[in-house]
Amino acid sequence: MGMTDRDPSSAAVAASLPPEEGGRGNKYFEYMNILAIDYGTKNIGLARASTSLDVVLPFGTVENTDKNLGAQKLIKLIKKEKIDKIIVGLPLGLDGSENKNTERVRKFVDEIKKEINISVEFITEIFSSQAADRMRAGVSRDEKSAMVILQSYLATASGRGAASGRQ
C-alpha cells in the first residue's frame, strides 16, 4: 500500500483572518504546519493542519508493517512538507494508565526524534477510533482517527475544547 498523499487544494479551505478581522489571532498558532499521527501496527494515519487555515485535512497513511521503513517514510514526509510540530495520539487505558500500546507509540516517537529535531506532543486518543467511525469523510479510518486527534488538540490548545489530556 505505502504512502498516499492528499491534495489540500481540492478541499474546501478557508483562510483564517487576522485578529482585528475576527481571526484566531493566537501567536502560538501562527504559521505552523502541524501533523497528527494515529500510530498503528499496520498503518499510520496522518492528518494535517496549517495554522494559517482553519481546517484539518486527511493526509494519507504510511504502511507500518516494517517498523524501520514506516518510520523512515514518515521522517522523509515530515522533512519534505516542512512540518513544525507533531501531535501523536497516545493510547491510554480508560483509567488513564499506560499499556503495551502506549509503550509502542512512545518507542516509535523516540525513533523519529533521533532523526529530526521537531516539537512532539502527545494527546490522549481515547475514543478517537469510535469518533472516526462516525465521520462520513471518504478516507481511511486511520486518517479519520488522526483528524480527530488533531481537531481535539487544536480545540484544546486554542481554548475552545475540553481538558487536553496531553502527556
N, C-alpha and C. Protein backbone atom coordinates (compact mmCIF):
# COMPACT_ATOMS: atom_id res chain seq x y z
N MET A 1 0.83 -1.18 0.00
CA MET A 1 0.00 0.00 0.00
C MET A 1 0.87 1.24 0.00
N GLY A 2 1.65 1.49 1.07
CA GLY A 2 2.58 2.60 1.07
C GLY A 2 1.96 3.92 1.44
N MET A 3 2.68 4.98 1.11
CA MET A 3 2.27 6.33 1.48
C MET A 3 1.33 6.89 0.42
N THR A 4 0.25 7.49 0.87
CA THR A 4 -0.67 8.16 -0.05
C THR A 4 -0.73 9.61 0.33
N ASP A 5 -0.84 10.47 -0.66
CA ASP A 5 -0.92 11.90 -0.39
C ASP A 5 -2.28 12.42 -0.79
N ARG A 6 -2.75 13.39 -0.08
CA ARG A 6 -3.99 14.09 -0.39
C ARG A 6 -3.62 15.46 -0.92
N ASP A 7 -4.38 15.97 -1.86
CA ASP A 7 -4.14 17.31 -2.40
C ASP A 7 -5.02 18.30 -1.66
N PRO A 8 -4.43 19.09 -0.73
CA PRO A 8 -5.24 20.01 0.05
C PRO A 8 -5.94 21.06 -0.80
N SER A 9 -5.44 21.31 -2.00
CA SER A 9 -6.09 22.31 -2.84
C SER A 9 -7.46 21.86 -3.31
N SER A 10 -7.74 20.55 -3.23
CA SER A 10 -9.04 20.05 -3.66
C SER A 10 -10.09 20.16 -2.56
N ALA A 11 -9.65 20.45 -1.35
CA ALA A 11 -10.59 20.56 -0.23
C ALA A 11 -11.09 22.01 -0.12
N ALA A 12 -12.24 22.14 0.49
CA ALA A 12 -12.77 23.48 0.74
C ALA A 12 -11.97 24.06 1.89
N VAL A 13 -11.14 25.04 1.59
CA VAL A 13 -10.24 25.60 2.59
C VAL A 13 -10.51 27.09 2.75
N ALA A 14 -10.69 27.50 4.00
CA ALA A 14 -10.93 28.92 4.26
C ALA A 14 -9.77 29.49 5.05
N ALA A 15 -9.17 30.54 4.57
CA ALA A 15 -8.05 31.17 5.27
C ALA A 15 -8.56 31.85 6.54
N SER A 16 -7.77 31.77 7.59
CA SER A 16 -8.16 32.45 8.82
C SER A 16 -7.83 33.93 8.70
N LEU A 17 -8.54 34.72 9.43
CA LEU A 17 -8.37 36.17 9.38
C LEU A 17 -7.46 36.63 10.50
N PRO A 18 -6.83 37.80 10.33
CA PRO A 18 -6.06 38.35 11.44
C PRO A 18 -7.00 38.72 12.58
N PRO A 19 -6.47 38.87 13.79
CA PRO A 19 -7.32 39.14 14.95
C PRO A 19 -8.24 40.34 14.78
N GLU A 20 -7.71 41.40 14.17
CA GLU A 20 -8.54 42.60 14.01
C GLU A 20 -9.74 42.38 13.09
N GLU A 21 -9.72 41.27 12.34
CA GLU A 21 -10.84 40.94 11.46
C GLU A 21 -11.62 39.71 11.95
N GLY A 22 -11.40 39.36 13.21
CA GLY A 22 -12.16 38.26 13.79
C GLY A 22 -11.49 36.90 13.70
N GLY A 23 -10.22 36.86 13.30
CA GLY A 23 -9.50 35.59 13.18
C GLY A 23 -9.02 35.07 14.51
N ARG A 24 -8.34 33.93 14.47
CA ARG A 24 -7.88 33.25 15.68
C ARG A 24 -6.94 34.14 16.48
N GLY A 25 -5.96 34.74 15.83
CA GLY A 25 -5.08 35.70 16.48
C GLY A 25 -4.22 35.15 17.60
N ASN A 26 -4.05 33.86 17.70
CA ASN A 26 -3.24 33.26 18.74
C ASN A 26 -1.83 33.07 18.20
N LYS A 27 -0.86 33.80 18.73
CA LYS A 27 0.51 33.75 18.22
C LYS A 27 1.09 32.34 18.28
N TYR A 28 0.65 31.53 19.23
CA TYR A 28 1.13 30.16 19.35
C TYR A 28 0.86 29.38 18.06
N PHE A 29 -0.21 29.74 17.37
CA PHE A 29 -0.62 29.00 16.20
C PHE A 29 -0.15 29.60 14.87
N GLU A 30 0.44 30.78 14.89
CA GLU A 30 0.74 31.44 13.62
C GLU A 30 1.73 30.64 12.79
N TYR A 31 1.37 30.40 11.55
CA TYR A 31 2.24 29.83 10.53
C TYR A 31 2.94 28.55 10.93
N MET A 32 2.23 27.66 11.51
CA MET A 32 2.78 26.35 11.84
C MET A 32 2.11 25.28 10.99
N ASN A 33 2.91 24.35 10.52
CA ASN A 33 2.38 23.17 9.85
C ASN A 33 2.40 22.05 10.88
N ILE A 34 1.22 21.55 11.19
CA ILE A 34 1.09 20.53 12.24
C ILE A 34 0.64 19.22 11.62
N LEU A 35 1.29 18.14 12.01
CA LEU A 35 0.96 16.80 11.54
C LEU A 35 0.49 15.97 12.73
N ALA A 36 -0.66 15.33 12.58
CA ALA A 36 -1.15 14.42 13.61
C ALA A 36 -0.89 12.99 13.16
N ILE A 37 -0.54 12.16 14.12
CA ILE A 37 -0.24 10.76 13.85
C ILE A 37 -1.14 9.87 14.70
N ASP A 38 -1.82 8.95 14.01
CA ASP A 38 -2.54 7.87 14.69
C ASP A 38 -1.73 6.62 14.40
N TYR A 39 -0.89 6.23 15.35
CA TYR A 39 0.03 5.11 15.16
C TYR A 39 -0.70 3.78 15.24
N GLY A 40 -0.46 2.95 14.26
CA GLY A 40 -0.99 1.60 14.27
C GLY A 40 0.08 0.63 13.84
N THR A 41 -0.06 -0.62 14.22
CA THR A 41 0.95 -1.61 13.87
C THR A 41 0.92 -1.98 12.39
N LYS A 42 -0.19 -1.70 11.70
CA LYS A 42 -0.27 -1.95 10.26
C LYS A 42 -0.15 -0.68 9.45
N ASN A 43 -0.85 0.36 9.88
CA ASN A 43 -0.85 1.65 9.18
C ASN A 43 -0.75 2.79 10.17
N ILE A 44 -0.11 3.87 9.71
CA ILE A 44 -0.03 5.10 10.48
C ILE A 44 -0.92 6.11 9.77
N GLY A 45 -1.99 6.53 10.44
CA GLY A 45 -2.88 7.53 9.86
C GLY A 45 -2.35 8.92 10.09
N LEU A 46 -2.50 9.77 9.08
CA LEU A 46 -1.98 11.13 9.15
C LEU A 46 -3.07 12.16 8.88
N ALA A 47 -2.98 13.28 9.55
CA ALA A 47 -3.84 14.44 9.29
C ALA A 47 -2.95 15.66 9.41
N ARG A 48 -3.33 16.71 8.71
CA ARG A 48 -2.50 17.90 8.68
C ARG A 48 -3.35 19.15 8.85
N ALA A 49 -2.75 20.14 9.48
CA ALA A 49 -3.37 21.46 9.57
C ALA A 49 -2.27 22.49 9.46
N SER A 50 -2.57 23.54 8.76
CA SER A 50 -1.71 24.71 8.74
C SER A 50 -2.45 25.74 9.58
N THR A 51 -1.76 26.34 10.51
CA THR A 51 -2.44 27.27 11.40
C THR A 51 -2.85 28.56 10.71
N SER A 52 -2.42 28.75 9.48
CA SER A 52 -2.92 29.90 8.74
C SER A 52 -4.27 29.59 8.11
N LEU A 53 -4.69 28.33 8.21
CA LEU A 53 -6.00 27.89 7.73
C LEU A 53 -6.77 27.32 8.90
N ASP A 54 -8.06 27.37 8.85
CA ASP A 54 -8.86 26.86 9.96
C ASP A 54 -9.53 25.55 9.58
N VAL A 55 -8.72 24.57 9.15
CA VAL A 55 -9.28 23.29 8.73
C VAL A 55 -8.25 22.19 8.95
N VAL A 56 -8.75 21.02 9.32
CA VAL A 56 -7.92 19.83 9.46
C VAL A 56 -8.21 18.94 8.27
N LEU A 57 -7.15 18.48 7.60
CA LEU A 57 -7.31 17.66 6.41
C LEU A 57 -6.67 16.29 6.59
N PRO A 58 -7.28 15.27 5.98
CA PRO A 58 -6.62 13.96 5.97
C PRO A 58 -5.34 14.09 5.16
N PHE A 59 -4.31 13.32 5.54
CA PHE A 59 -3.03 13.46 4.84
C PHE A 59 -2.41 12.13 4.46
N GLY A 60 -3.24 11.11 4.34
CA GLY A 60 -2.75 9.82 3.88
C GLY A 60 -2.39 8.86 5.00
N THR A 61 -1.80 7.76 4.59
CA THR A 61 -1.34 6.75 5.53
C THR A 61 0.06 6.32 5.15
N VAL A 62 0.77 5.81 6.12
CA VAL A 62 2.07 5.20 5.88
C VAL A 62 1.96 3.76 6.35
N GLU A 63 2.29 2.84 5.45
CA GLU A 63 2.27 1.43 5.81
C GLU A 63 3.33 1.19 6.88
N ASN A 64 2.98 0.40 7.90
CA ASN A 64 3.86 0.23 9.04
C ASN A 64 4.14 -1.23 9.35
N THR A 65 4.14 -2.08 8.34
CA THR A 65 4.41 -3.50 8.59
C THR A 65 5.89 -3.75 8.84
N ASP A 66 6.76 -2.90 8.30
CA ASP A 66 8.19 -2.94 8.58
C ASP A 66 8.49 -1.68 9.39
N LYS A 67 8.71 -1.84 10.69
CA LYS A 67 8.80 -0.69 11.60
C LYS A 67 9.85 0.34 11.17
N ASN A 68 11.03 -0.10 10.72
CA ASN A 68 12.05 0.84 10.28
C ASN A 68 11.61 1.61 9.05
N LEU A 69 11.02 0.92 8.09
CA LEU A 69 10.60 1.55 6.85
C LEU A 69 9.47 2.56 7.09
N GLY A 70 8.53 2.22 7.95
CA GLY A 70 7.44 3.15 8.28
C GLY A 70 7.97 4.43 8.89
N ALA A 71 8.90 4.31 9.82
CA ALA A 71 9.49 5.49 10.46
C ALA A 71 10.27 6.32 9.44
N GLN A 72 11.03 5.66 8.58
CA GLN A 72 11.83 6.39 7.58
C GLN A 72 10.95 7.13 6.58
N LYS A 73 9.85 6.50 6.15
CA LYS A 73 8.92 7.18 5.24
C LYS A 73 8.31 8.40 5.90
N LEU A 74 7.96 8.25 7.16
CA LEU A 74 7.35 9.36 7.90
C LEU A 74 8.35 10.50 8.08
N ILE A 75 9.58 10.20 8.41
CA ILE A 75 10.62 11.21 8.57
C ILE A 75 10.83 11.97 7.25
N LYS A 76 10.87 11.24 6.16
CA LYS A 76 11.04 11.87 4.84
C LYS A 76 9.87 12.82 4.54
N LEU A 77 8.65 12.38 4.86
CA LEU A 77 7.46 13.20 4.65
C LEU A 77 7.50 14.46 5.51
N ILE A 78 7.89 14.33 6.76
CA ILE A 78 7.96 15.46 7.69
C ILE A 78 8.94 16.51 7.18
N LYS A 79 10.08 16.05 6.69
CA LYS A 79 11.08 16.98 6.16
C LYS A 79 10.57 17.65 4.88
N LYS A 80 10.02 16.86 3.97
CA LYS A 80 9.54 17.37 2.68
C LYS A 80 8.44 18.42 2.87
N GLU A 81 7.53 18.16 3.79
CA GLU A 81 6.38 19.04 3.99
C GLU A 81 6.65 20.16 4.98
N LYS A 82 7.87 20.23 5.51
CA LYS A 82 8.26 21.29 6.45
C LYS A 82 7.31 21.37 7.64
N ILE A 83 7.10 20.23 8.25
CA ILE A 83 6.23 20.13 9.42
C ILE A 83 6.94 20.77 10.62
N ASP A 84 6.23 21.61 11.36
CA ASP A 84 6.79 22.31 12.52
C ASP A 84 6.51 21.61 13.85
N LYS A 85 5.42 20.86 13.89
CA LYS A 85 5.02 20.21 15.14
C LYS A 85 4.28 18.93 14.80
N ILE A 86 4.47 17.94 15.66
CA ILE A 86 3.77 16.66 15.51
C ILE A 86 2.93 16.43 16.75
N ILE A 87 1.68 16.02 16.53
CA ILE A 87 0.78 15.65 17.60
C ILE A 87 0.53 14.15 17.45
N VAL A 88 0.78 13.41 18.50
CA VAL A 88 0.65 11.95 18.44
C VAL A 88 -0.43 11.50 19.40
N GLY A 89 -1.35 10.69 18.90
CA GLY A 89 -2.37 10.10 19.76
C GLY A 89 -1.73 9.09 20.68
N LEU A 90 -1.99 9.23 21.96
CA LEU A 90 -1.43 8.33 22.97
C LEU A 90 -2.53 7.42 23.50
N PRO A 91 -2.42 6.12 23.22
CA PRO A 91 -3.47 5.19 23.66
C PRO A 91 -3.31 4.83 25.14
N LEU A 92 -4.16 5.39 25.94
CA LEU A 92 -4.16 5.09 27.38
C LEU A 92 -5.37 4.23 27.70
N GLY A 93 -5.30 3.52 28.82
CA GLY A 93 -6.45 2.77 29.28
C GLY A 93 -7.55 3.72 29.74
N LEU A 94 -8.74 3.19 29.91
CA LEU A 94 -9.86 4.03 30.35
C LEU A 94 -9.60 4.70 31.69
N ASP A 95 -8.74 4.07 32.50
CA ASP A 95 -8.39 4.65 33.80
C ASP A 95 -7.19 5.60 33.69
N GLY A 96 -6.71 5.85 32.47
CA GLY A 96 -5.59 6.76 32.26
C GLY A 96 -4.23 6.10 32.36
N SER A 97 -4.21 4.79 32.56
CA SER A 97 -2.93 4.10 32.72
C SER A 97 -2.30 3.77 31.36
N GLU A 98 -0.98 3.66 31.38
CA GLU A 98 -0.26 3.28 30.16
C GLU A 98 -0.29 1.77 30.02
N ASN A 99 -0.12 1.32 28.77
CA ASN A 99 -0.17 -0.11 28.47
C ASN A 99 0.84 -0.44 27.37
N LYS A 100 0.77 -1.64 26.81
CA LYS A 100 1.73 -2.05 25.77
C LYS A 100 1.62 -1.16 24.53
N ASN A 101 0.42 -0.76 24.16
CA ASN A 101 0.25 0.12 23.00
C ASN A 101 0.88 1.49 23.26
N THR A 102 0.72 2.00 24.47
CA THR A 102 1.33 3.27 24.84
C THR A 102 2.85 3.18 24.70
N GLU A 103 3.40 2.09 25.20
CA GLU A 103 4.84 1.86 25.12
C GLU A 103 5.31 1.80 23.66
N ARG A 104 4.54 1.14 22.80
CA ARG A 104 4.86 1.04 21.38
C ARG A 104 4.89 2.42 20.71
N VAL A 105 3.91 3.24 21.03
CA VAL A 105 3.83 4.59 20.46
C VAL A 105 5.01 5.44 20.93
N ARG A 106 5.30 5.40 22.20
CA ARG A 106 6.41 6.20 22.74
C ARG A 106 7.74 5.77 22.11
N LYS A 107 7.93 4.47 21.92
CA LYS A 107 9.15 3.95 21.30
C LYS A 107 9.25 4.44 19.85
N PHE A 108 8.15 4.41 19.11
CA PHE A 108 8.12 4.88 17.74
C PHE A 108 8.49 6.36 17.66
N VAL A 109 7.92 7.16 18.55
CA VAL A 109 8.21 8.60 18.58
C VAL A 109 9.68 8.83 18.92
N ASP A 110 10.23 8.06 19.84
CA ASP A 110 11.65 8.18 20.17
C ASP A 110 12.52 7.93 18.95
N GLU A 111 12.15 6.95 18.11
CA GLU A 111 12.91 6.66 16.89
C GLU A 111 12.86 7.85 15.93
N ILE A 112 11.72 8.47 15.79
CA ILE A 112 11.58 9.62 14.90
C ILE A 112 12.42 10.79 15.43
N LYS A 113 12.36 11.01 16.74
CA LYS A 113 13.07 12.14 17.34
C LYS A 113 14.59 11.99 17.24
N LYS A 114 15.09 10.78 17.04
CA LYS A 114 16.52 10.56 16.84
C LYS A 114 16.97 11.15 15.50
N GLU A 115 16.05 11.20 14.55
CA GLU A 115 16.37 11.62 13.19
C GLU A 115 16.05 13.09 12.90
N ILE A 116 15.07 13.65 13.59
CA ILE A 116 14.68 15.03 13.33
C ILE A 116 14.45 15.76 14.64
N ASN A 117 14.77 17.03 14.63
CA ASN A 117 14.58 17.87 15.80
C ASN A 117 13.27 18.64 15.60
N ILE A 118 12.22 18.14 16.17
CA ILE A 118 10.90 18.74 15.97
C ILE A 118 10.10 18.61 17.26
N SER A 119 9.23 19.56 17.49
CA SER A 119 8.37 19.53 18.67
C SER A 119 7.32 18.42 18.51
N VAL A 120 7.22 17.58 19.53
CA VAL A 120 6.24 16.49 19.54
C VAL A 120 5.44 16.57 20.82
N GLU A 121 4.12 16.51 20.68
CA GLU A 121 3.24 16.47 21.85
C GLU A 121 2.34 15.26 21.73
N PHE A 122 2.02 14.69 22.87
CA PHE A 122 1.08 13.58 22.93
C PHE A 122 -0.27 14.11 23.38
N ILE A 123 -1.33 13.52 22.87
CA ILE A 123 -2.67 13.83 23.35
C ILE A 123 -3.43 12.51 23.46
N THR A 124 -4.15 12.36 24.53
CA THR A 124 -4.91 11.14 24.76
C THR A 124 -5.84 10.87 23.58
N GLU A 125 -5.82 9.64 23.10
CA GLU A 125 -6.65 9.31 21.93
C GLU A 125 -7.83 8.40 22.29
N ILE A 126 -8.20 8.40 23.54
CA ILE A 126 -9.33 7.56 23.94
C ILE A 126 -10.55 7.92 23.11
N PHE A 127 -11.16 6.94 22.53
CA PHE A 127 -12.37 7.04 21.71
C PHE A 127 -12.17 7.71 20.35
N SER A 128 -10.91 7.94 19.93
CA SER A 128 -10.71 8.57 18.62
C SER A 128 -11.18 7.66 17.49
N SER A 129 -10.98 6.36 17.62
CA SER A 129 -11.44 5.43 16.57
C SER A 129 -12.96 5.41 16.48
N GLN A 130 -13.63 5.47 17.62
CA GLN A 130 -15.09 5.50 17.60
C GLN A 130 -15.59 6.79 16.95
N ALA A 131 -14.95 7.91 17.28
CA ALA A 131 -15.33 9.18 16.66
C ALA A 131 -15.04 9.14 15.16
N ALA A 132 -13.94 8.52 14.78
CA ALA A 132 -13.60 8.39 13.36
C ALA A 132 -14.65 7.57 12.61
N ASP A 133 -15.16 6.54 13.26
CA ASP A 133 -16.18 5.69 12.63
C ASP A 133 -17.47 6.46 12.35
N ARG A 134 -17.71 7.51 13.11
CA ARG A 134 -18.92 8.32 12.91
C ARG A 134 -18.75 9.37 11.81
N MET A 135 -17.51 9.59 11.38
CA MET A 135 -17.25 10.57 10.32
C MET A 135 -17.63 9.98 8.97
N ARG A 136 -18.08 10.81 8.07
CA ARG A 136 -18.50 10.34 6.76
C ARG A 136 -17.48 10.62 5.67
N ALA A 137 -16.36 11.19 6.02
CA ALA A 137 -15.34 11.52 5.02
C ALA A 137 -14.92 10.26 4.27
N GLY A 138 -14.63 10.39 3.00
CA GLY A 138 -14.25 9.26 2.16
C GLY A 138 -12.78 8.92 2.24
N VAL A 139 -12.26 8.83 3.45
CA VAL A 139 -10.85 8.49 3.65
C VAL A 139 -10.77 7.33 4.63
N SER A 140 -9.58 6.80 4.82
CA SER A 140 -9.40 5.64 5.68
C SER A 140 -9.72 5.95 7.15
N ARG A 141 -10.02 4.90 7.90
CA ARG A 141 -10.27 5.04 9.33
C ARG A 141 -9.03 5.60 10.03
N ASP A 142 -7.85 5.20 9.56
CA ASP A 142 -6.60 5.69 10.16
C ASP A 142 -6.47 7.20 10.00
N GLU A 143 -6.79 7.71 8.81
CA GLU A 143 -6.73 9.15 8.57
C GLU A 143 -7.78 9.88 9.41
N LYS A 144 -8.98 9.31 9.48
CA LYS A 144 -10.04 9.94 10.27
C LYS A 144 -9.65 10.00 11.74
N SER A 145 -9.02 8.94 12.25
CA SER A 145 -8.57 8.96 13.65
C SER A 145 -7.53 10.05 13.87
N ALA A 146 -6.61 10.21 12.92
CA ALA A 146 -5.61 11.28 13.02
C ALA A 146 -6.29 12.64 12.98
N MET A 147 -7.34 12.77 12.16
CA MET A 147 -8.08 14.04 12.09
C MET A 147 -8.73 14.36 13.44
N VAL A 148 -9.31 13.34 14.08
CA VAL A 148 -9.95 13.53 15.39
C VAL A 148 -8.90 13.97 16.41
N ILE A 149 -7.75 13.34 16.39
CA ILE A 149 -6.66 13.68 17.31
C ILE A 149 -6.24 15.14 17.11
N LEU A 150 -6.06 15.54 15.86
CA LEU A 150 -5.62 16.91 15.57
C LEU A 150 -6.71 17.93 15.89
N GLN A 151 -7.95 17.63 15.58
CA GLN A 151 -9.05 18.54 15.92
C GLN A 151 -9.14 18.74 17.43
N SER A 152 -8.98 17.66 18.17
CA SER A 152 -9.02 17.73 19.62
C SER A 152 -7.87 18.59 20.15
N TYR A 153 -6.69 18.37 19.62
CA TYR A 153 -5.52 19.16 20.05
C TYR A 153 -5.73 20.65 19.76
N LEU A 154 -6.14 20.97 18.55
CA LEU A 154 -6.31 22.37 18.17
C LEU A 154 -7.38 23.06 19.00
N ALA A 155 -8.47 22.35 19.25
CA ALA A 155 -9.55 22.93 20.06
C ALA A 155 -9.07 23.17 21.49
N THR A 156 -8.31 22.25 22.03
CA THR A 156 -7.81 22.38 23.39
C THR A 156 -6.76 23.47 23.49
N ALA A 157 -5.82 23.49 22.55
CA ALA A 157 -4.73 24.47 22.59
C ALA A 157 -5.23 25.89 22.37
N SER A 158 -6.32 26.04 21.64
CA SER A 158 -6.84 27.39 21.38
C SER A 158 -7.86 27.81 22.43
N GLY A 159 -8.13 26.93 23.40
CA GLY A 159 -9.07 27.27 24.46
C GLY A 159 -10.51 27.00 24.09
N ARG A 160 -10.74 26.27 22.97
CA ARG A 160 -12.11 26.00 22.53
C ARG A 160 -12.57 24.60 22.90
N GLY A 161 -11.74 23.84 23.60
CA GLY A 161 -12.12 22.46 23.88
C GLY A 161 -12.01 22.13 25.34
N ALA A 162 -12.20 20.85 25.62
CA ALA A 162 -12.13 20.34 26.98
C ALA A 162 -10.66 20.18 27.40
N ALA A 163 -10.45 19.63 28.57
CA ALA A 163 -9.09 19.40 29.05
C ALA A 163 -8.33 18.53 28.06
N SER A 164 -7.07 18.84 27.87
CA SER A 164 -6.31 18.26 26.79
C SER A 164 -5.96 16.80 26.96
N GLY A 165 -5.57 16.39 28.12
CA GLY A 165 -5.07 15.03 28.27
C GLY A 165 -3.70 14.87 27.68
N ARG A 166 -3.00 15.98 27.38
CA ARG A 166 -1.65 15.88 26.82
C ARG A 166 -0.74 15.28 27.86
N GLN A 167 0.14 14.45 27.39
CA GLN A 167 1.06 13.75 28.28
C GLN A 167 2.48 14.18 28.03
